[in-house]
Amino acid sequence: AARTRALCAALSFDAERARANLSLSEGLIVSERLALVLKPRIGAVRFAEVIDRASAGEPLAALLRALPEVAERDVDDLLDPARYTGRSGALVDEAVRAAREEGIR
């Protein structure tokens, strides 16, 4: 527990670097969110095609904007990792609970 506290005390967070790292995927990091939003509108096959094309280097934002079914959505919002955190809240809660059980405060 003491070692964990020491390690955690030395951690720092660089928001700018985090944003830069997230942008490296050019939107693919939010593919789970995109699947939840787009599959009901365009179907699983078309969704997979869009993701495959983006994975091959085509700009994901442009591919999404070309879909008539996405016209009413804010594509920039859909691709913003800060707007969708998936299960991260539950995972953090679990980590905090486990740490407290270990006596880490």
Foldseek 3Di string as FASTA:
>chain_A
DVVVVVVVVPDDDDVVVVVVVLCVLLLVVLLVLCCVVPCVQPNDVVSVVLSVVVVVPDRSLVSQCPDPSCVVPDSVLSSDCVNDDDCVVVVVVVVVVVCVVVVHD
